All heavy atoms as atom14 arrays in JSON, in Angstrom:
{
  "sequence": "QCKDLVTTSNGNVVISLTPLLEMLIFDVVREDPNNKNIRIWILAS",
  "atom14_mask": [
    [1, 1, 1, 1, 1, 1, 1, 1, 1, 0, 0, 0, 0, 0],
    [1, 1, 1, 1, 1, 1, 0, 0, 0, 0, 0, 0, 0, 0],
    [1, 1, 1, 1, 1, 1, 1, 1, 1, 0, 0, 0, 0, 0],
    [1, 1, 1, 1, 1, 1, 1, 1, 0, 0, 0, 0, 0, 0],
    [1, 1, 1, 1, 1, 1, 1, 1, 0, 0, 0, 0, 0, 0],
    [1, 1, 1, 1, 1, 1, 1, 0, 0, 0, 0, 0, 0, 0],
    [1, 1, 1, 1, 1, 1, 1, 0, 0, 0, 0, 0, 0, 0],
    [1, 1, 1, 1, 1, 1, 1, 0, 0, 0, 0, 0, 0, 0],
    [1, 1, 1, 1, 1, 1, 0, 0, 0, 0, 0, 0, 0, 0],
    [1, 1, 1, 1, 1, 1, 1, 1, 0, 0, 0, 0, 0, 0],
    [1, 1, 1, 1, 0, 0, 0, 0, 0, 0, 0, 0, 0, 0],
    [1, 1, 1, 1, 1, 1, 1, 1, 0, 0, 0, 0, 0, 0],
    [1, 1, 1, 1, 1, 1, 1, 0, 0, 0, 0, 0, 0, 0],
    [1, 1, 1, 1, 1, 1, 1, 0, 0, 0, 0, 0, 0, 0],
    [1, 1, 1, 1, 1, 1, 1, 1, 0, 0, 0, 0, 0, 0],
    [1, 1, 1, 1, 1, 1, 0, 0, 0, 0, 0, 0, 0, 0],
    [1, 1, 1, 1, 1, 1, 1, 1, 0, 0, 0, 0, 0, 0],
    [1, 1, 1, 1, 1, 1, 1, 0, 0, 0, 0, 0, 0, 0],
    [1, 1, 1, 1, 1, 1, 1, 0, 0, 0, 0, 0, 0, 0],
    [1, 1, 1, 1, 1, 1, 1, 1, 0, 0, 0, 0, 0, 0],
    [1, 1, 1, 1, 1, 1, 1, 1, 0, 0, 0, 0, 0, 0],
    [1, 1, 1, 1, 1, 1, 1, 1, 1, 0, 0, 0, 0, 0],
    [1, 1, 1, 1, 1, 1, 1, 1, 0, 0, 0, 0, 0, 0],
    [1, 1, 1, 1, 1, 1, 1, 1, 0, 0, 0, 0, 0, 0],
    [1, 1, 1, 1, 1, 1, 1, 1, 0, 0, 0, 0, 0, 0],
    [1, 1, 1, 1, 1, 1, 1, 1, 1, 1, 1, 0, 0, 0],
    [1, 1, 1, 1, 1, 1, 1, 1, 0, 0, 0, 0, 0, 0],
    [1, 1, 1, 1, 1, 1, 1, 0, 0, 0, 0, 0, 0, 0],
    [1, 1, 1, 1, 1, 1, 1, 0, 0, 0, 0, 0, 0, 0],
    [1, 1, 1, 1, 1, 1, 1, 1, 1, 1, 1, 0, 0, 0],
    [1, 1, 1, 1, 1, 1, 1, 1, 1, 0, 0, 0, 0, 0],
    [1, 1, 1, 1, 1, 1, 1, 1, 0, 0, 0, 0, 0, 0],
    [1, 1, 1, 1, 1, 1, 1, 0, 0, 0, 0, 0, 0, 0],
    [1, 1, 1, 1, 1, 1, 1, 1, 0, 0, 0, 0, 0, 0],
    [1, 1, 1, 1, 1, 1, 1, 1, 0, 0, 0, 0, 0, 0],
    [1, 1, 1, 1, 1, 1, 1, 1, 1, 0, 0, 0, 0, 0],
    [1, 1, 1, 1, 1, 1, 1, 1, 0, 0, 0, 0, 0, 0],
    [1, 1, 1, 1, 1, 1, 1, 1, 0, 0, 0, 0, 0, 0],
    [1, 1, 1, 1, 1, 1, 1, 1, 1, 1, 1, 0, 0, 0],
    [1, 1, 1, 1, 1, 1, 1, 1, 0, 0, 0, 0, 0, 0],
    [1, 1, 1, 1, 1, 1, 1, 1, 1, 1, 1, 1, 1, 1],
    [1, 1, 1, 1, 1, 1, 1, 1, 0, 0, 0, 0, 0, 0],
    [1, 1, 1, 1, 1, 1, 1, 1, 0, 0, 0, 0, 0, 0],
    [1, 1, 1, 1, 1, 0, 0, 0, 0, 0, 0, 0, 0, 0],
    [1, 1, 1, 1, 1, 1, 0, 0, 0, 0, 0, 0, 0, 0]
  ],
  "atom14_positions": [
    [[84.66, 66.47, 119.61], [85.42, 65.55, 120.46], [84.85, 65.4, 121.87], [85.27, 64.49, 122.59], [86.88, 66.04, 120.57], [87.59, 66.23, 119.25], [87.82, 64.92, 118.53], [87.89, 63.86, 119.14], [87.92, 64.99, 117.2], [0.0, 0.0, 0.0], [0.0, 0.0, 0.0], [0.0, 0.0, 0.0], [0.0, 0.0, 0.0], [0.0, 0.0, 0.0]],
    [[83.93, 66.27, 122.26], [83.46, 66.27, 123.65], [81.98, 65.91, 123.71], [81.26, 65.98, 122.72], [83.68, 67.64, 124.3], [85.41, 68.16, 124.34], [0.0, 0.0, 0.0], [0.0, 0.0, 0.0], [0.0, 0.0, 0.0], [0.0, 0.0, 0.0], [0.0, 0.0, 0.0], [0.0, 0.0, 0.0], [0.0, 0.0, 0.0], [0.0, 0.0, 0.0]],
    [[81.56, 65.57, 124.91], [80.16, 65.21, 125.16], [79.58, 66.18, 126.18], [80.14, 66.35, 127.27], [80.07, 63.77, 125.68], [78.64, 63.32, 125.95], [78.61, 61.88, 126.44], [77.17, 61.44, 126.72], [77.12, 60.03, 127.22], [0.0, 0.0, 0.0], [0.0, 0.0, 0.0], [0.0, 0.0, 0.0], [0.0, 0.0, 0.0], [0.0, 0.0, 0.0]],
    [[78.46, 66.8, 125.83], [77.81, 67.75, 126.73], [76.96, 67.02, 127.76], [76.25, 66.06, 127.45], [76.89, 68.7, 125.95], [77.67, 69.7, 125.12], [78.87, 69.84, 125.39], [77.08, 70.34, 124.24], [0.0, 0.0, 0.0], [0.0, 0.0, 0.0], [0.0, 0.0, 0.0], [0.0, 0.0, 0.0], [0.0, 0.0, 0.0], [0.0, 0.0, 0.0]],
    [[77.03, 67.5, 129.01], [76.09, 67.02, 130.02], [74.7, 67.61, 129.77], [73.69, 66.95, 129.97], [76.58, 67.4, 131.42], [77.81, 66.63, 131.94], [78.29, 67.21, 133.25], [77.48, 65.15, 132.12], [0.0, 0.0, 0.0], [0.0, 0.0, 0.0], [0.0, 0.0, 0.0], [0.0, 0.0, 0.0], [0.0, 0.0, 0.0], [0.0, 0.0, 0.0]],
    [[74.68, 68.87, 129.38], [73.45, 69.55, 129.01], [73.64, 70.13, 127.61], [74.67, 70.76, 127.34], [73.11, 70.68, 130.01], [71.84, 71.41, 129.58], [72.94, 70.12, 131.41], [0.0, 0.0, 0.0], [0.0, 0.0, 0.0], [0.0, 0.0, 0.0], [0.0, 0.0, 0.0], [0.0, 0.0, 0.0], [0.0, 0.0, 0.0], [0.0, 0.0, 0.0]],
    [[72.69, 69.92, 126.73], [72.82, 70.4, 125.35], [72.89, 71.92, 125.32], [72.06, 72.61, 125.93], [71.62, 69.92, 124.51], [71.55, 68.5, 124.57], [71.79, 70.37, 123.06], [0.0, 0.0, 0.0], [0.0, 0.0, 0.0], [0.0, 0.0, 0.0], [0.0, 0.0, 0.0], [0.0, 0.0, 0.0], [0.0, 0.0, 0.0], [0.0, 0.0, 0.0]],
    [[73.88, 72.44, 124.64], [74.07, 73.88, 124.52], [74.28, 74.25, 123.06], [74.62, 73.4, 122.23], [75.29, 74.35, 125.34], [76.47, 73.66, 124.87], [75.11, 74.08, 126.81], [0.0, 0.0, 0.0], [0.0, 0.0, 0.0], [0.0, 0.0, 0.0], [0.0, 0.0, 0.0], [0.0, 0.0, 0.0], [0.0, 0.0, 0.0], [0.0, 0.0, 0.0]],
    [[74.1, 75.52, 122.77], [74.41, 76.05, 121.44], [75.68, 76.89, 121.53], [76.11, 77.27, 122.61], [73.24, 76.91, 120.92], [73.06, 78.05, 121.74], [0.0, 0.0, 0.0], [0.0, 0.0, 0.0], [0.0, 0.0, 0.0], [0.0, 0.0, 0.0], [0.0, 0.0, 0.0], [0.0, 0.0, 0.0], [0.0, 0.0, 0.0], [0.0, 0.0, 0.0]],
    [[76.26, 77.19, 120.38], [77.48, 78.0, 120.36], [77.22, 79.39, 120.96], [78.03, 79.91, 121.73], [78.01, 78.13, 118.94], [78.58, 76.83, 118.42], [78.75, 75.87, 119.18], [78.89, 76.78, 117.15], [0.0, 0.0, 0.0], [0.0, 0.0, 0.0], [0.0, 0.0, 0.0], [0.0, 0.0, 0.0], [0.0, 0.0, 0.0], [0.0, 0.0, 0.0]],
    [[76.1, 79.99, 120.59], [75.78, 81.3, 121.15], [75.59, 81.26, 122.64], [75.98, 82.19, 123.36], [0.0, 0.0, 0.0], [0.0, 0.0, 0.0], [0.0, 0.0, 0.0], [0.0, 0.0, 0.0], [0.0, 0.0, 0.0], [0.0, 0.0, 0.0], [0.0, 0.0, 0.0], [0.0, 0.0, 0.0], [0.0, 0.0, 0.0], [0.0, 0.0, 0.0]],
    [[75.02, 80.16, 123.14], [74.77, 80.04, 124.57], [76.07, 80.03, 125.38], [76.18, 80.72, 126.39], [73.97, 78.77, 124.82], [73.5, 78.64, 126.25], [73.64, 77.6, 126.87], [72.93, 79.7, 126.79], [0.0, 0.0, 0.0], [0.0, 0.0, 0.0], [0.0, 0.0, 0.0], [0.0, 0.0, 0.0], [0.0, 0.0, 0.0], [0.0, 0.0, 0.0]],
    [[77.07, 79.24, 124.94], [78.31, 79.16, 125.7], [79.14, 80.43, 125.56], [79.85, 80.83, 126.49], [79.14, 77.92, 125.28], [78.43, 76.64, 125.69], [79.41, 77.91, 123.79], [0.0, 0.0, 0.0], [0.0, 0.0, 0.0], [0.0, 0.0, 0.0], [0.0, 0.0, 0.0], [0.0, 0.0, 0.0], [0.0, 0.0, 0.0], [0.0, 0.0, 0.0]],
    [[79.05, 81.11, 124.41], [79.78, 82.37, 124.25], [79.16, 83.44, 125.14], [79.86, 84.25, 125.76], [79.79, 82.81, 122.77], [80.34, 84.22, 122.63], [80.63, 81.85, 121.94], [0.0, 0.0, 0.0], [0.0, 0.0, 0.0], [0.0, 0.0, 0.0], [0.0, 0.0, 0.0], [0.0, 0.0, 0.0], [0.0, 0.0, 0.0], [0.0, 0.0, 0.0]],
    [[77.83, 83.46, 125.24], [77.15, 84.39, 126.14], [77.52, 84.1, 127.59], [77.56, 85.0, 128.43], [75.63, 84.33, 125.93], [75.25, 85.0, 124.61], [74.87, 84.99, 127.06], [75.51, 86.49, 124.58], [0.0, 0.0, 0.0], [0.0, 0.0, 0.0], [0.0, 0.0, 0.0], [0.0, 0.0, 0.0], [0.0, 0.0, 0.0], [0.0, 0.0, 0.0]],
    [[77.8, 82.85, 127.92], [78.26, 82.51, 129.27], [79.68, 83.01, 129.52], [80.05, 83.33, 130.65], [78.2, 80.99, 129.48], [76.89, 80.5, 129.33], [0.0, 0.0, 0.0], [0.0, 0.0, 0.0], [0.0, 0.0, 0.0], [0.0, 0.0, 0.0], [0.0, 0.0, 0.0], [0.0, 0.0, 0.0], [0.0, 0.0, 0.0], [0.0, 0.0, 0.0]],
    [[80.48, 83.06, 128.46], [81.87, 83.51, 128.59], [81.97, 85.0, 128.87], [82.75, 85.43, 129.73], [82.63, 83.15, 127.32], [84.13, 83.37, 127.24], [84.74, 82.44, 126.18], [84.54, 84.8, 126.93], [0.0, 0.0, 0.0], [0.0, 0.0, 0.0], [0.0, 0.0, 0.0], [0.0, 0.0, 0.0], [0.0, 0.0, 0.0], [0.0, 0.0, 0.0]],
    [[81.17, 85.8, 128.18], [81.36, 87.26, 128.24], [81.12, 87.88, 129.61], [81.95, 88.69, 130.06], [80.48, 87.94, 127.17], [79.14, 87.47, 127.28], [81.01, 87.63, 125.79], [0.0, 0.0, 0.0], [0.0, 0.0, 0.0], [0.0, 0.0, 0.0], [0.0, 0.0, 0.0], [0.0, 0.0, 0.0], [0.0, 0.0, 0.0], [0.0, 0.0, 0.0]],
    [[80.04, 87.58, 130.33], [79.87, 88.21, 131.65], [80.91, 87.76, 132.66], [81.32, 88.54, 133.54], [78.46, 87.81, 132.08], [78.14, 86.6, 131.3], [78.88, 86.73, 130.01], [0.0, 0.0, 0.0], [0.0, 0.0, 0.0], [0.0, 0.0, 0.0], [0.0, 0.0, 0.0], [0.0, 0.0, 0.0], [0.0, 0.0, 0.0], [0.0, 0.0, 0.0]],
    [[81.35, 86.5, 132.56], [82.39, 86.01, 133.46], [83.7, 86.75, 133.22], [84.38, 87.17, 134.17], [82.57, 84.5, 133.25], [83.59, 83.79, 134.14], [83.23, 83.96, 135.61], [83.66, 82.31, 133.79], [0.0, 0.0, 0.0], [0.0, 0.0, 0.0], [0.0, 0.0, 0.0], [0.0, 0.0, 0.0], [0.0, 0.0, 0.0], [0.0, 0.0, 0.0]],
    [[84.03, 86.95, 131.95], [85.25, 87.69, 131.61], [85.16, 89.14, 132.08], [86.12, 89.68, 132.66], [85.47, 87.62, 130.1], [86.64, 88.42, 129.54], [87.96, 87.95, 130.13], [86.67, 88.32, 128.01], [0.0, 0.0, 0.0], [0.0, 0.0, 0.0], [0.0, 0.0, 0.0], [0.0, 0.0, 0.0], [0.0, 0.0, 0.0], [0.0, 0.0, 0.0]],
    [[84.02, 89.78, 131.84], [83.85, 91.18, 132.25], [83.98, 91.33, 133.75], [84.59, 92.28, 134.26], [82.49, 91.69, 131.78], [82.24, 93.16, 132.11], [80.92, 93.65, 131.58], [80.29, 92.92, 130.79], [80.49, 94.76, 131.96], [0.0, 0.0, 0.0], [0.0, 0.0, 0.0], [0.0, 0.0, 0.0], [0.0, 0.0, 0.0], [0.0, 0.0, 0.0]],
    [[83.42, 90.4, 134.5], [83.49, 90.46, 135.96], [84.93, 90.35, 136.45], [85.33, 91.03, 137.41], [82.63, 89.34, 136.54], [82.61, 89.27, 138.07], [83.91, 88.19, 138.74], [83.43, 86.61, 138.09], [0.0, 0.0, 0.0], [0.0, 0.0, 0.0], [0.0, 0.0, 0.0], [0.0, 0.0, 0.0], [0.0, 0.0, 0.0], [0.0, 0.0, 0.0]],
    [[85.75, 89.52, 135.8], [87.12, 89.31, 136.24], [88.03, 90.49, 135.94], [88.95, 90.79, 136.72], [87.68, 88.04, 135.58], [87.08, 86.71, 136.05], [87.6, 85.57, 135.18], [87.42, 86.45, 137.51], [0.0, 0.0, 0.0], [0.0, 0.0, 0.0], [0.0, 0.0, 0.0], [0.0, 0.0, 0.0], [0.0, 0.0, 0.0], [0.0, 0.0, 0.0]],
    [[87.81, 91.16, 134.81], [88.77, 92.19, 134.39], [88.34, 93.6, 134.73], [89.17, 94.51, 134.77], [89.05, 92.08, 132.87], [87.78, 92.37, 132.06], [89.62, 90.73, 132.53], [88.01, 92.32, 130.56], [0.0, 0.0, 0.0], [0.0, 0.0, 0.0], [0.0, 0.0, 0.0], [0.0, 0.0, 0.0], [0.0, 0.0, 0.0], [0.0, 0.0, 0.0]],
    [[87.04, 93.84, 134.98], [86.57, 95.22, 135.12], [87.17, 95.91, 136.34], [87.66, 97.03, 136.25], [85.05, 95.26, 135.18], [84.51, 96.64, 135.44], [84.78, 97.68, 134.56], [83.77, 96.92, 136.57], [84.3, 98.96, 134.79], [83.28, 98.19, 136.81], [83.54, 99.21, 135.93], [0.0, 0.0, 0.0], [0.0, 0.0, 0.0], [0.0, 0.0, 0.0]],
    [[87.13, 95.26, 137.49], [87.61, 95.9, 138.71], [89.1, 96.24, 138.62], [89.54, 97.29, 139.08], [87.36, 95.0, 139.92], [85.89, 94.94, 140.3], [85.15, 95.87, 139.91], [85.48, 93.98, 140.96], [0.0, 0.0, 0.0], [0.0, 0.0, 0.0], [0.0, 0.0, 0.0], [0.0, 0.0, 0.0], [0.0, 0.0, 0.0], [0.0, 0.0, 0.0]],
    [[89.87, 95.33, 138.02], [91.31, 95.57, 137.91], [91.6, 96.77, 137.01], [92.41, 97.64, 137.33], [92.01, 94.31, 137.37], [93.5, 94.56, 137.17], [91.8, 93.14, 138.32], [0.0, 0.0, 0.0], [0.0, 0.0, 0.0], [0.0, 0.0, 0.0], [0.0, 0.0, 0.0], [0.0, 0.0, 0.0], [0.0, 0.0, 0.0], [0.0, 0.0, 0.0]],
    [[90.91, 96.85, 135.88], [91.13, 97.95, 134.94], [90.62, 99.27, 135.54], [91.24, 100.33, 135.36], [90.43, 97.66, 133.61], [90.55, 98.84, 132.66], [91.02, 96.41, 132.97], [0.0, 0.0, 0.0], [0.0, 0.0, 0.0], [0.0, 0.0, 0.0], [0.0, 0.0, 0.0], [0.0, 0.0, 0.0], [0.0, 0.0, 0.0], [0.0, 0.0, 0.0]],
    [[89.52, 99.24, 136.26], [88.96, 100.46, 136.83], [89.86, 101.03, 137.92], [90.03, 102.25, 138.02], [87.57, 100.17, 137.39], [86.88, 101.39, 137.98], [85.53, 101.02, 138.54], [85.65, 99.98, 139.57], [84.63, 99.46, 140.23], [83.4, 99.84, 139.93], [84.82, 98.53, 141.15], [0.0, 0.0, 0.0], [0.0, 0.0, 0.0], [0.0, 0.0, 0.0]],
    [[90.45, 100.18, 138.74], [91.27, 100.66, 139.85], [92.56, 101.31, 139.36], [92.99, 102.33, 139.9], [91.6, 99.5, 140.79], [90.37, 98.99, 141.56], [90.69, 97.74, 142.36], [91.88, 97.32, 142.32], [89.78, 97.19, 142.99], [0.0, 0.0, 0.0], [0.0, 0.0, 0.0], [0.0, 0.0, 0.0], [0.0, 0.0, 0.0], [0.0, 0.0, 0.0]],
    [[93.18, 100.75, 138.36], [94.45, 101.3, 137.87], [94.53, 101.08, 136.36], [95.1, 100.1, 135.88], [95.63, 100.62, 138.58], [96.96, 101.28, 138.22], [96.95, 102.3, 137.5], [98.01, 100.77, 138.66], [0.0, 0.0, 0.0], [0.0, 0.0, 0.0], [0.0, 0.0, 0.0], [0.0, 0.0, 0.0], [0.0, 0.0, 0.0], [0.0, 0.0, 0.0]],
    [[93.98, 102.02, 135.56], [93.97, 101.84, 134.1], [95.36, 101.77, 133.48], [95.51, 101.25, 132.38], [93.2, 103.07, 133.6], [92.44, 103.57, 134.79], [93.27, 103.24, 135.98], [0.0, 0.0, 0.0], [0.0, 0.0, 0.0], [0.0, 0.0, 0.0], [0.0, 0.0, 0.0], [0.0, 0.0, 0.0], [0.0, 0.0, 0.0], [0.0, 0.0, 0.0]],
    [[96.36, 102.31, 134.17], [97.71, 102.35, 133.61], [98.61, 101.23, 134.13], [99.82, 101.25, 133.89], [98.36, 103.7, 133.92], [97.59, 104.86, 133.3], [97.14, 104.77, 132.16], [97.42, 105.94, 134.05], [0.0, 0.0, 0.0], [0.0, 0.0, 0.0], [0.0, 0.0, 0.0], [0.0, 0.0, 0.0], [0.0, 0.0, 0.0], [0.0, 0.0, 0.0]],
    [[98.05, 100.29, 134.83], [98.84, 99.18, 135.35], [99.45, 98.38, 134.2], [98.75, 97.97, 133.28], [97.95, 98.29, 136.22], [98.76, 97.26, 137.0], [99.8, 96.79, 136.56], [98.26, 96.91, 138.18], [0.0, 0.0, 0.0], [0.0, 0.0, 0.0], [0.0, 0.0, 0.0], [0.0, 0.0, 0.0], [0.0, 0.0, 0.0], [0.0, 0.0, 0.0]],
    [[100.74, 98.16, 134.27], [101.42, 97.48, 133.17], [101.07, 95.99, 133.09], [101.36, 95.33, 132.09], [102.94, 97.64, 133.3], [103.51, 97.0, 134.56], [105.02, 97.21, 134.63], [105.6, 96.55, 135.9], [107.07, 96.75, 135.98], [0.0, 0.0, 0.0], [0.0, 0.0, 0.0], [0.0, 0.0, 0.0], [0.0, 0.0, 0.0], [0.0, 0.0, 0.0]],
    [[100.46, 95.46, 134.16], [100.11, 94.04, 134.17], [98.67, 93.77, 133.72], [98.22, 92.64, 133.78], [100.29, 93.47, 135.59], [101.75, 93.48, 136.02], [102.65, 93.19, 135.23], [102.0, 93.83, 137.28], [0.0, 0.0, 0.0], [0.0, 0.0, 0.0], [0.0, 0.0, 0.0], [0.0, 0.0, 0.0], [0.0, 0.0, 0.0], [0.0, 0.0, 0.0]],
    [[97.97, 94.81, 133.29], [96.57, 94.62, 132.89], [96.47, 93.67, 131.7], [95.58, 92.82, 131.63], [95.93, 95.98, 132.55], [95.66, 96.75, 133.85], [94.63, 95.78, 131.78], [95.02, 98.1, 133.62], [0.0, 0.0, 0.0], [0.0, 0.0, 0.0], [0.0, 0.0, 0.0], [0.0, 0.0, 0.0], [0.0, 0.0, 0.0], [0.0, 0.0, 0.0]],
    [[97.39, 93.8, 130.77], [97.35, 92.94, 129.59], [97.46, 91.47, 129.98], [96.7, 90.63, 129.48], [98.49, 93.33, 128.65], [98.5, 92.59, 127.33], [99.7, 93.05, 126.51], [99.73, 92.37, 125.23], [99.08, 92.76, 124.15], [98.31, 93.84, 124.2], [99.19, 92.1, 123.02], [0.0, 0.0, 0.0], [0.0, 0.0, 0.0], [0.0, 0.0, 0.0]],
    [[98.38, 91.17, 130.89], [98.54, 89.79, 131.34], [97.3, 89.33, 132.08], [96.85, 88.19, 131.95], [99.78, 89.66, 132.24], [101.03, 90.19, 131.51], [99.99, 88.22, 132.67], [101.35, 89.47, 130.23], [0.0, 0.0, 0.0], [0.0, 0.0, 0.0], [0.0, 0.0, 0.0], [0.0, 0.0, 0.0], [0.0, 0.0, 0.0], [0.0, 0.0, 0.0]],
    [[96.69, 90.22, 132.86], [95.49, 89.87, 133.62], [94.33, 89.55, 132.66], [93.55, 88.63, 132.91], [95.12, 90.99, 134.57], [93.9, 90.7, 135.39], [92.65, 91.17, 135.2], [93.82, 89.81, 136.51], [91.79, 90.67, 136.13], [92.47, 89.83, 136.95], [94.75, 89.02, 137.18], [92.05, 89.07, 138.03], [94.32, 88.27, 138.26], [92.99, 88.3, 138.67]],
    [[94.21, 90.32, 131.58], [93.15, 90.05, 130.6], [93.36, 88.69, 129.95], [92.41, 87.92, 129.77], [93.12, 91.17, 129.53], [92.63, 92.49, 130.15], [92.21, 90.78, 128.37], [92.65, 93.66, 129.19], [0.0, 0.0, 0.0], [0.0, 0.0, 0.0], [0.0, 0.0, 0.0], [0.0, 0.0, 0.0], [0.0, 0.0, 0.0], [0.0, 0.0, 0.0]],
    [[94.61, 88.37, 129.63], [94.9, 87.07, 129.02], [94.52, 85.93, 129.97], [93.88, 84.95, 129.58], [96.38, 86.98, 128.66], [96.91, 87.96, 127.62], [98.42, 87.85, 127.5], [96.26, 87.72, 126.28], [0.0, 0.0, 0.0], [0.0, 0.0, 0.0], [0.0, 0.0, 0.0], [0.0, 0.0, 0.0], [0.0, 0.0, 0.0], [0.0, 0.0, 0.0]],
    [[94.94, 86.05, 131.22], [94.65, 85.0, 132.2], [93.15, 84.89, 132.46], [92.6, 83.79, 132.57], [95.4, 85.29, 133.5], [0.0, 0.0, 0.0], [0.0, 0.0, 0.0], [0.0, 0.0, 0.0], [0.0, 0.0, 0.0], [0.0, 0.0, 0.0], [0.0, 0.0, 0.0], [0.0, 0.0, 0.0], [0.0, 0.0, 0.0], [0.0, 0.0, 0.0]],
    [[92.47, 86.02, 132.54], [91.02, 86.02, 132.78], [90.28, 85.38, 131.62], [89.3, 84.66, 131.8], [90.53, 87.45, 133.01], [91.14, 88.03, 134.14], [0.0, 0.0, 0.0], [0.0, 0.0, 0.0], [0.0, 0.0, 0.0], [0.0, 0.0, 0.0], [0.0, 0.0, 0.0], [0.0, 0.0, 0.0], [0.0, 0.0, 0.0], [0.0, 0.0, 0.0]]
  ]
}
C-alpha cells in the first residue's frame, strides 16, 4: 500500500528498528529494573 522514497528490504528496515528500540528502553530498564512502568515504556518505545 505504500511507496518508498528509497528502496529498502524487509531485513533492512527491521535492522533499523532494533537499535532505535534498544536505545530507547535500555537506560530506563538499567536505572530501575523493578519499575512497574517499564512494560508500558517498552510498548510505547
